[in-house]
Amino acid sequence: MMKDIENREAINDMARELLRLMAAGTTHMVDDVRRVPAGDYLDEERFQTERTKLFRETPLVVAFTAELREPGSFKLHEETGVSVLVVRNEQGQAKAFVNACRHRGAKLTEEPCGKQKRFTCPYHAWSFDLNGALASLPANNLFGDVDKATLGLVELPCEERHGMIFAVLTPGAAMDLDSFLSGGEDLLRGWHLERNTLVGRRDLETRANWKLALDSYCENYHFHVLHSADFSYKVKNCAHHVRFGDKGQHWYLAWPSKSLEELRNVPESEWQDVHSHFSILHFIYPNTIMALYPETLSVKQLYPGASVAEQNTKMAFFSREADPSEEVKQLIQNRFDVFYKVLQQEDYWVCGGAYKNLESGMLPEILFGRNEPALTWLHDALDEGVGVKPAEKVREIIAA
């Protein structure tokens, strides 16, 4: 029985296209090879522009609904250099605030997550409620004449949609998620990410520019080489790609397992959970990767580190059940451990070595093949995001 019933037609469309590609022995492609200057991964000026334009002025997924289940739940998001307190207020609304007391700027909490009714500064005990309002100012009669109503936490634009909580890390900035997610909202809505349950978190480590690590997730061309021991069940060099967003900055792709071939001569009316025969990967610009399976969701979020040569990858694993049993949680944790091992010991190992070679100055550029459309789309979007003149060609999928 199909789990994602609301996305049945979209999933079946993916299956049809994958079966067509498999029969033809091909994959989706763009019209040309893309050449990326080594400097895109090394240049300090570009790196600082990315930190501002992509991570301060662009909507970011700062939390998932599943991480803030109840009023008072909070999560600390500090990966961009801005300490952000993401909370759910008593009315059930998600809010985002700068994690700084309005008195002397001290952090209200260092805890990564939790649940509480108020946030009290450890310095002088100023206290703020779940709407960011200053609720208590000790020794108010001695402090001096201030308007408490103007001393609430600095609020950031924040909106919850399709099980994700977005924020722009610039106070007062505009955030138009209707445009930002246009063309992809029906599919995102149908996954019901709000029903998920967090199972575990890990960090993935290597010394490299954040974009080089992000590139690892954008193609399956490497599966049968780097991951031959783990992903041999996947069809070689075959993937279905679709772009969405007001600038085509997001995408999703589907990678088939060999088992999908079993459905070729089965009437579609008899297809059961066809999603079990392929992986679906969503990219939400500029840095969020979501791998969806019938039972699990794997999330990787990649951020610039403290320098151009440092990256910070946060990995989280979710059950797609609202209240999984301990047995199910353990099975998912075991799967999580396998994925983590593959990524850390293989993808991030290769990434670190590649970055050393780029730093050597011996490589003027790297290449993205026609069979790696998502890499071309990603770097076109990143270039546009930092103000680099976009390529003249519109890189749409061409008939395979």
Protein backbone atom coordinates (compact mmCIF):
# COMPACT_ATOMS: atom_id res chain seq x y z
CA MET A 1 0.00 0.00 0.00
CA MET A 2 1.33 3.44 -0.90
CA LYS A 3 2.31 5.54 2.12
CA ASP A 4 2.40 8.96 0.42
CA ILE A 5 -1.10 8.79 -1.03
CA GLU A 6 -1.33 12.56 -1.66
CA ASN A 7 1.76 12.39 -3.84
CA ARG A 8 0.70 9.24 -5.65
CA GLU A 9 0.48 10.83 -9.11
CA ALA A 10 3.80 12.65 -8.74
CA ILE A 11 5.50 9.46 -7.55
CA ASN A 12 3.99 7.46 -10.39
CA ASP A 13 5.15 10.13 -12.86
CA MET A 14 8.68 9.74 -11.50
CA ALA A 15 8.44 5.96 -11.86
CA ARG A 16 7.24 6.23 -15.46
CA GLU A 17 10.09 8.55 -16.39
CA LEU A 18 12.67 6.40 -14.61
CA LEU A 19 11.43 3.29 -16.42
CA ARG A 20 11.74 5.18 -19.70
CA LEU A 21 15.29 6.27 -18.88
CA MET A 22 16.23 2.77 -17.76
CA ALA A 23 14.92 1.25 -21.00
CA ALA A 24 16.97 3.77 -22.99
CA GLY A 25 20.06 3.23 -20.83
CA THR A 26 20.38 6.94 -20.15
CA THR A 27 19.69 9.75 -17.70
CA HIS A 28 18.45 13.33 -17.75
CA MET A 29 21.06 15.69 -19.14
CA VAL A 30 21.71 19.36 -19.76
CA ASP A 31 23.03 20.70 -23.02
CA ASP A 32 26.69 21.22 -22.17
CA VAL A 33 29.51 20.58 -19.72
CA ARG A 34 29.80 23.28 -17.05
CA ARG A 35 33.23 24.57 -16.08
CA VAL A 36 33.62 25.93 -12.56
CA PRO A 37 36.72 28.02 -11.76
CA ALA A 38 38.72 26.71 -8.82
CA GLY A 39 38.46 30.21 -7.37
CA ASP A 40 34.76 29.70 -6.69
CA TYR A 41 35.87 27.42 -3.84
CA LEU A 42 38.93 29.42 -2.76
CA ASP A 43 38.18 33.12 -3.11
CA GLU A 44 37.84 34.95 0.20
CA GLU A 45 35.78 37.82 -1.21
CA ARG A 46 33.24 35.44 -2.74
CA PHE A 47 33.14 33.46 0.51
CA GLN A 48 32.23 36.57 2.52
CA THR A 49 29.59 37.53 -0.06
CA GLU A 50 28.06 34.05 0.23
CA ARG A 51 27.87 34.39 4.01
CA THR A 52 25.91 37.61 3.60
CA LYS A 53 23.80 37.10 0.49
CA LEU A 54 23.00 33.40 0.87
CA PHE A 55 22.89 33.02 4.65
CA ARG A 56 21.68 36.41 5.91
CA GLU A 57 19.39 37.59 3.10
CA THR A 58 17.87 34.31 1.82
CA PRO A 59 15.16 32.21 3.51
CA LEU A 60 16.81 29.33 5.39
CA VAL A 61 15.28 26.21 6.89
CA VAL A 62 16.24 26.85 10.51
CA ALA A 63 14.19 24.02 12.03
CA PHE A 64 11.61 21.38 11.27
CA THR A 65 8.14 21.19 12.74
CA ALA A 66 9.07 17.81 14.20
CA GLU A 67 11.76 19.52 16.31
CA LEU A 68 9.28 21.95 17.92
CA ARG A 69 6.32 19.77 18.74
CA GLU A 70 4.76 21.69 21.64
CA PRO A 71 4.41 25.26 22.92
CA GLY A 72 7.62 26.20 24.68
CA SER A 73 9.76 23.95 22.49
CA PHE A 74 12.88 25.67 21.20
CA LYS A 75 15.94 25.01 19.07
CA LEU A 76 19.16 26.99 18.89
CA HIS A 77 20.42 27.67 15.36
CA GLU A 78 23.96 29.09 15.28
CA GLU A 79 25.49 27.70 12.11
CA THR A 80 25.53 31.02 10.22
CA GLY A 81 27.32 33.04 12.90
CA VAL A 82 24.01 34.51 14.12
CA SER A 83 22.71 32.91 17.29
CA VAL A 84 19.01 32.32 16.53
CA LEU A 85 16.41 31.10 19.02
CA VAL A 86 13.60 29.27 17.19
CA VAL A 87 10.60 28.77 19.47
CA ARG A 88 6.97 27.71 19.41
CA ASN A 89 4.79 30.14 21.36
CA GLU A 90 1.68 29.38 23.42
CA GLN A 91 -0.51 29.90 20.35
CA GLY A 92 1.44 27.24 18.45
CA GLN A 93 3.18 29.73 16.14
CA ALA A 94 6.85 29.36 15.23
CA LYS A 95 8.99 32.42 16.00
CA ALA A 96 12.64 33.27 15.49
CA PHE A 97 14.63 35.70 17.63
CA VAL A 98 18.24 36.74 17.99
CA ASN A 99 19.48 34.85 21.05
CA ALA A 100 20.64 37.99 22.81
CA CYS A 101 19.38 39.82 25.89
CA ARG A 102 18.42 43.41 25.17
CA HIS A 103 20.30 44.59 28.27
CA ARG A 104 23.95 43.72 27.58
CA GLY A 105 23.73 41.22 24.72
CA ALA A 106 24.37 38.01 26.65
CA LYS A 107 23.05 34.77 25.19
CA LEU A 108 19.82 33.68 26.82
CA THR A 109 20.60 30.00 26.38
CA GLU A 110 23.44 27.76 25.25
CA GLU A 111 21.23 24.66 25.19
CA PRO A 112 20.80 23.21 21.67
CA CYS A 113 17.11 22.48 22.26
CA GLY A 114 14.56 22.07 25.01
CA LYS A 115 11.26 23.30 26.37
CA GLN A 116 10.50 26.23 28.69
CA LYS A 117 7.99 29.01 29.23
CA ARG A 118 10.47 31.86 29.51
CA PHE A 119 14.07 32.62 28.62
CA THR A 120 16.00 34.24 31.45
CA CYS A 121 19.35 35.87 30.89
CA PRO A 122 22.11 34.28 33.03
CA TYR A 123 23.80 37.68 33.43
CA HIS A 124 21.20 39.88 35.16
CA ALA A 125 18.03 37.73 34.99
CA TRP A 126 16.10 39.78 32.45
CA SER A 127 13.34 37.43 31.33
CA PHE A 128 11.54 37.13 27.97
CA ASP A 129 8.36 35.25 27.08
CA LEU A 130 7.72 32.99 24.07
CA ASN A 131 6.68 35.98 21.97
CA GLY A 132 9.98 37.71 22.68
CA ALA A 133 8.48 40.35 24.99
CA LEU A 134 10.43 41.52 28.01
CA ALA A 135 8.48 39.93 30.84
CA SER A 136 10.65 40.76 33.84
CA LEU A 137 13.30 43.37 34.58
CA PRO A 138 14.77 42.85 38.09
CA ALA A 139 15.20 45.97 40.23
CA ASN A 140 13.09 47.89 37.74
CA ASN A 141 12.74 50.81 40.16
CA LEU A 142 16.51 51.18 40.36
CA PHE A 143 17.46 50.51 36.75
CA GLY A 144 16.11 53.70 35.27
CA ASP A 145 13.38 54.92 32.96
CA VAL A 146 13.02 52.52 30.00
CA ASP A 147 10.03 51.39 27.98
CA LYS A 148 9.83 47.62 28.42
CA ALA A 149 7.57 47.35 25.39
CA THR A 150 10.47 48.43 23.16
CA LEU A 151 12.98 46.01 24.69
CA GLY A 152 11.71 42.70 23.40
CA LEU A 153 14.03 40.26 21.66
CA VAL A 154 15.12 41.17 18.14
CA GLU A 155 12.67 39.26 15.95
CA LEU A 156 13.53 37.74 12.59
CA PRO A 157 11.12 37.07 9.71
CA CYS A 158 9.86 33.53 10.26
CA GLU A 159 7.22 31.29 8.69
CA GLU A 160 6.34 27.62 9.04
CA ARG A 161 5.37 25.77 5.91
CA HIS A 162 5.10 22.09 4.91
CA GLY A 163 6.83 20.86 8.06
CA MET A 164 9.75 23.29 7.72
CA ILE A 165 10.41 26.51 9.61
CA PHE A 166 12.00 29.21 7.44
CA ALA A 167 13.66 32.40 8.61
CA VAL A 168 15.63 35.27 7.08
CA LEU A 169 18.46 36.28 9.39
CA THR A 170 18.01 39.99 8.79
CA PRO A 171 15.48 41.86 10.99
CA GLY A 172 12.69 43.42 8.96
CA ALA A 173 13.60 41.64 5.72
CA ALA A 174 10.88 40.54 3.33
CA MET A 175 10.19 36.82 2.94
CA ASP A 176 7.88 35.61 0.17
CA LEU A 177 7.67 31.83 0.43
CA ASP A 178 4.89 31.68 -2.18
CA SER A 179 7.40 32.83 -4.79
CA PHE A 180 10.43 31.17 -3.21
CA LEU A 181 8.84 27.69 -3.32
CA SER A 182 6.65 28.16 -6.38
CA GLY A 183 6.13 25.07 -8.47
CA GLY A 184 7.16 22.70 -5.68
CA GLU A 185 4.69 23.35 -2.89
CA ASP A 186 2.17 20.65 -3.81
CA LEU A 187 4.85 17.96 -3.63
CA LEU A 188 6.37 19.35 -0.42
CA ARG A 189 2.94 19.59 1.19
CA GLY A 190 2.13 16.01 0.27
CA TRP A 191 5.11 14.58 2.16
CA HIS A 192 3.60 15.76 5.48
CA LEU A 193 6.97 16.41 7.07
CA GLU A 194 5.13 17.80 10.10
CA ARG A 195 4.27 14.21 11.09
CA ASN A 196 7.92 13.16 11.38
CA THR A 197 9.78 12.22 14.57
CA LEU A 198 13.42 13.13 15.13
CA VAL A 199 15.58 10.04 15.73
CA GLY A 200 19.16 11.34 15.73
CA ARG A 201 21.70 13.99 14.76
CA ARG A 202 25.36 13.84 13.70
CA ASP A 203 27.93 16.22 12.20
CA LEU A 204 29.87 15.33 9.05
CA GLU A 205 33.45 16.56 9.07
CA THR A 206 36.09 17.40 6.51
CA ARG A 207 38.31 20.35 5.68
CA ALA A 208 36.82 21.87 2.54
CA ASN A 209 34.77 24.74 1.22
CA TRP A 210 31.08 24.24 1.99
CA LYS A 211 30.09 24.16 -1.70
CA LEU A 212 32.48 21.33 -2.48
CA ALA A 213 30.81 19.25 0.24
CA LEU A 214 27.37 20.22 -1.07
CA ASP A 215 28.33 19.07 -4.57
CA SER A 216 28.57 15.50 -3.23
CA TYR A 217 24.80 15.27 -2.91
CA CYS A 218 23.89 16.47 -6.39
CA GLU A 219 24.57 13.46 -8.60
CA ASN A 220 24.61 9.65 -8.56
CA TYR A 221 27.32 9.33 -11.21
CA HIS A 222 29.74 8.31 -8.43
CA PHE A 223 27.56 5.66 -6.77
CA HIS A 224 28.94 2.60 -8.56
CA VAL A 225 32.53 3.70 -8.03
CA LEU A 226 32.86 5.31 -4.62
CA HIS A 227 29.92 3.44 -3.07
CA SER A 228 30.13 0.16 -4.95
CA ALA A 229 29.89 -1.88 -1.75
CA ASP A 230 26.72 -0.16 -0.54
CA PHE A 231 24.81 1.13 -3.57
CA SER A 232 25.22 -1.65 -6.13
CA TYR A 233 21.44 -2.13 -5.97
CA LYS A 234 21.00 1.26 -7.69
CA VAL A 235 20.70 1.65 -11.46
CA LYS A 236 23.93 3.01 -12.88
CA ASN A 237 23.94 6.60 -14.22
CA CYS A 238 20.17 7.10 -14.19
CA ALA A 239 18.25 9.94 -12.55
CA HIS A 240 15.11 12.03 -13.07
CA HIS A 241 15.50 15.80 -12.40
CA VAL A 242 12.93 18.61 -11.91
CA ARG A 243 13.53 22.27 -10.98
CA PHE A 244 11.20 24.59 -9.07
CA GLY A 245 11.20 27.97 -7.34
CA ASP A 246 10.81 31.48 -8.73
CA LYS A 247 14.39 31.35 -10.06
CA GLY A 248 14.66 27.60 -10.57
CA GLN A 249 16.92 27.52 -7.53
CA HIS A 250 15.46 24.38 -5.95
CA TRP A 251 15.19 20.91 -7.44
CA TYR A 252 14.31 17.34 -6.76
CA LEU A 253 15.66 14.21 -8.33
CA ALA A 254 14.86 10.49 -8.19
CA TRP A 255 17.41 7.68 -8.29
CA PRO A 256 16.05 4.21 -9.17
CA SER A 257 16.87 0.86 -7.64
CA LYS A 258 17.18 -2.10 -9.95
CA SER A 259 13.98 -3.48 -8.40
CA LEU A 260 11.96 -0.82 -10.25
CA GLU A 261 12.34 -2.98 -13.37
CA GLU A 262 9.92 -5.46 -11.75
CA LEU A 263 7.08 -2.99 -12.38
CA ARG A 264 7.70 -2.54 -16.10
CA ASN A 265 4.98 -4.97 -17.18
CA VAL A 266 2.73 -4.52 -14.14
CA PRO A 267 -0.43 -2.41 -14.73
CA GLU A 268 -0.18 0.87 -12.84
CA SER A 269 -3.46 0.07 -11.11
CA GLU A 270 -1.57 -2.76 -9.38
CA TRP A 271 1.47 -0.72 -8.34
CA GLN A 272 1.77 -0.68 -4.58
CA ASP A 273 4.31 1.55 -2.81
CA VAL A 274 6.33 2.32 -5.92
CA HIS A 275 8.39 4.83 -3.93
CA SER A 276 10.17 1.87 -2.29
CA HIS A 277 11.89 1.32 -5.66
CA PHE A 278 13.65 4.68 -5.82
CA SER A 279 15.08 7.46 -3.65
CA ILE A 280 13.78 11.03 -3.88
CA LEU A 281 16.14 13.88 -3.04
CA HIS A 282 14.96 17.47 -2.52
CA PHE A 283 17.28 20.47 -2.53
CA ILE A 284 15.98 23.63 -0.86
CA TYR A 285 18.25 26.53 -1.81
CA PRO A 286 20.78 27.47 -0.63
CA ASN A 287 21.89 24.59 1.62
CA THR A 288 19.28 21.97 2.59
CA ILE A 289 19.24 18.40 1.24
CA MET A 290 16.32 16.11 2.11
CA ALA A 291 16.41 12.43 1.12
CA LEU A 292 12.92 10.95 1.32
CA TYR A 293 12.10 7.27 1.65
CA PRO A 294 8.76 5.66 2.56
CA GLU A 295 9.80 5.22 6.21
CA THR A 296 12.56 7.77 6.80
CA LEU A 297 13.75 11.29 6.06
CA SER A 298 17.44 12.14 6.05
CA VAL A 299 18.38 15.83 6.20
CA LYS A 300 21.77 17.36 5.51
CA GLN A 301 22.30 21.10 5.93
CA LEU A 302 25.61 22.58 4.82
CA TYR A 303 27.02 25.90 6.04
CA PRO A 304 30.20 27.90 5.50
CA GLY A 305 32.67 27.45 8.34
CA ALA A 306 34.81 30.09 9.95
CA SER A 307 37.06 30.30 6.88
CA VAL A 308 36.76 29.64 3.17
CA ALA A 309 38.37 26.22 3.76
CA GLU A 310 35.91 25.09 6.42
CA GLN A 311 32.42 23.63 6.15
CA ASN A 312 29.82 22.62 8.71
CA THR A 313 27.40 19.81 7.81
CA LYS A 314 24.51 19.03 10.15
CA MET A 315 22.83 15.67 9.53
CA ALA A 316 19.51 14.64 11.06
CA PHE A 317 17.44 11.50 10.65
CA PHE A 318 13.68 11.32 11.10
CA SER A 319 11.08 8.60 11.24
CA ARG A 320 8.15 9.47 8.99
CA GLU A 321 5.78 8.18 11.67
CA ALA A 322 4.43 10.54 14.31
CA ASP A 323 4.94 8.06 17.16
CA PRO A 324 7.28 5.24 16.11
CA SER A 325 7.89 2.29 18.40
CA GLU A 326 11.27 1.80 20.04
CA GLU A 327 11.88 -1.08 17.65
CA VAL A 328 11.23 1.17 14.64
CA LYS A 329 13.45 3.88 16.11
CA GLN A 330 16.29 1.40 16.50
CA LEU A 331 15.92 0.16 12.93
CA ILE A 332 16.03 3.76 11.71
CA GLN A 333 19.04 4.51 13.92
CA ASN A 334 20.84 1.52 12.41
CA ARG A 335 20.11 2.81 8.92
CA PHE A 336 21.25 6.28 10.00
CA ASP A 337 24.56 4.83 11.21
CA VAL A 338 25.15 3.16 7.84
CA PHE A 339 24.43 6.36 5.89
CA TYR A 340 26.65 8.36 8.22
CA LYS A 341 29.53 5.91 7.80
CA VAL A 342 29.26 5.98 4.00
CA LEU A 343 29.14 9.78 3.86
CA GLN A 344 31.89 10.38 6.41
CA GLN A 345 34.34 7.71 5.28
CA GLU A 346 33.77 7.99 1.54
CA ASP A 347 32.14 11.23 0.29
CA TYR A 348 33.71 13.55 2.85
CA TRP A 349 37.08 11.79 2.58
CA VAL A 350 37.10 12.37 -1.18
CA CYS A 351 35.91 15.94 -0.67
CA GLY A 352 38.78 16.74 1.70
CA GLY A 353 41.34 15.38 -0.74
CA ALA A 354 39.84 17.26 -3.66
CA TYR A 355 39.98 20.51 -1.71
CA LYS A 356 43.68 20.05 -0.99
CA ASN A 357 44.24 19.68 -4.72
CA LEU A 358 42.28 22.86 -5.44
CA GLU A 359 44.32 24.73 -2.82
CA SER A 360 47.55 23.61 -4.49
CA GLY A 361 46.79 25.92 -7.40
CA MET A 362 47.43 23.13 -9.90
CA LEU A 363 43.81 22.84 -11.05
CA PRO A 364 42.32 25.85 -12.87
CA GLU A 365 38.78 24.44 -12.85
CA ILE A 366 36.54 21.47 -12.22
CA LEU A 367 33.90 20.06 -14.54
CA PHE A 368 30.24 19.09 -14.24
CA GLY A 369 29.09 16.69 -16.93
CA ARG A 370 25.94 16.89 -19.00
CA ASN A 371 24.75 13.91 -16.95
CA GLU A 372 25.00 15.96 -13.72
CA PRO A 373 22.23 18.56 -14.22
CA ALA A 374 21.67 19.35 -10.55
CA LEU A 375 25.30 20.45 -10.14
CA THR A 376 24.95 22.87 -13.03
CA TRP A 377 21.65 24.18 -11.64
CA LEU A 378 23.13 24.54 -8.15
CA HIS A 379 26.10 26.61 -9.26
CA ASP A 380 24.03 28.72 -11.63
CA ALA A 381 21.75 29.56 -8.68
CA LEU A 382 24.66 30.22 -6.31
CA ASP A 383 26.31 32.50 -8.88
CA GLU A 384 23.09 34.47 -9.31
CA GLY A 385 22.67 34.63 -5.53
CA VAL A 386 26.04 36.34 -5.07
CA GLY A 387 25.64 38.62 -8.08
CA VAL A 388 27.81 36.79 -10.60
CA LYS A 389 26.49 37.21 -14.13
CA PRO A 390 24.47 34.09 -14.97
CA ALA A 391 25.36 31.91 -17.92
CA GLU A 392 23.78 32.92 -21.19
CA LYS A 393 22.27 29.49 -21.73
CA VAL A 394 19.14 28.35 -19.93
CA ARG A 395 20.21 24.95 -18.71
CA GLU A 396 17.01 22.93 -18.95
CA ILE A 397 16.84 19.18 -19.32
CA ILE A 398 17.15 18.10 -22.93
CA ALA A 399 15.47 15.01 -24.35
CA ALA A 400 17.45 11.92 -23.48
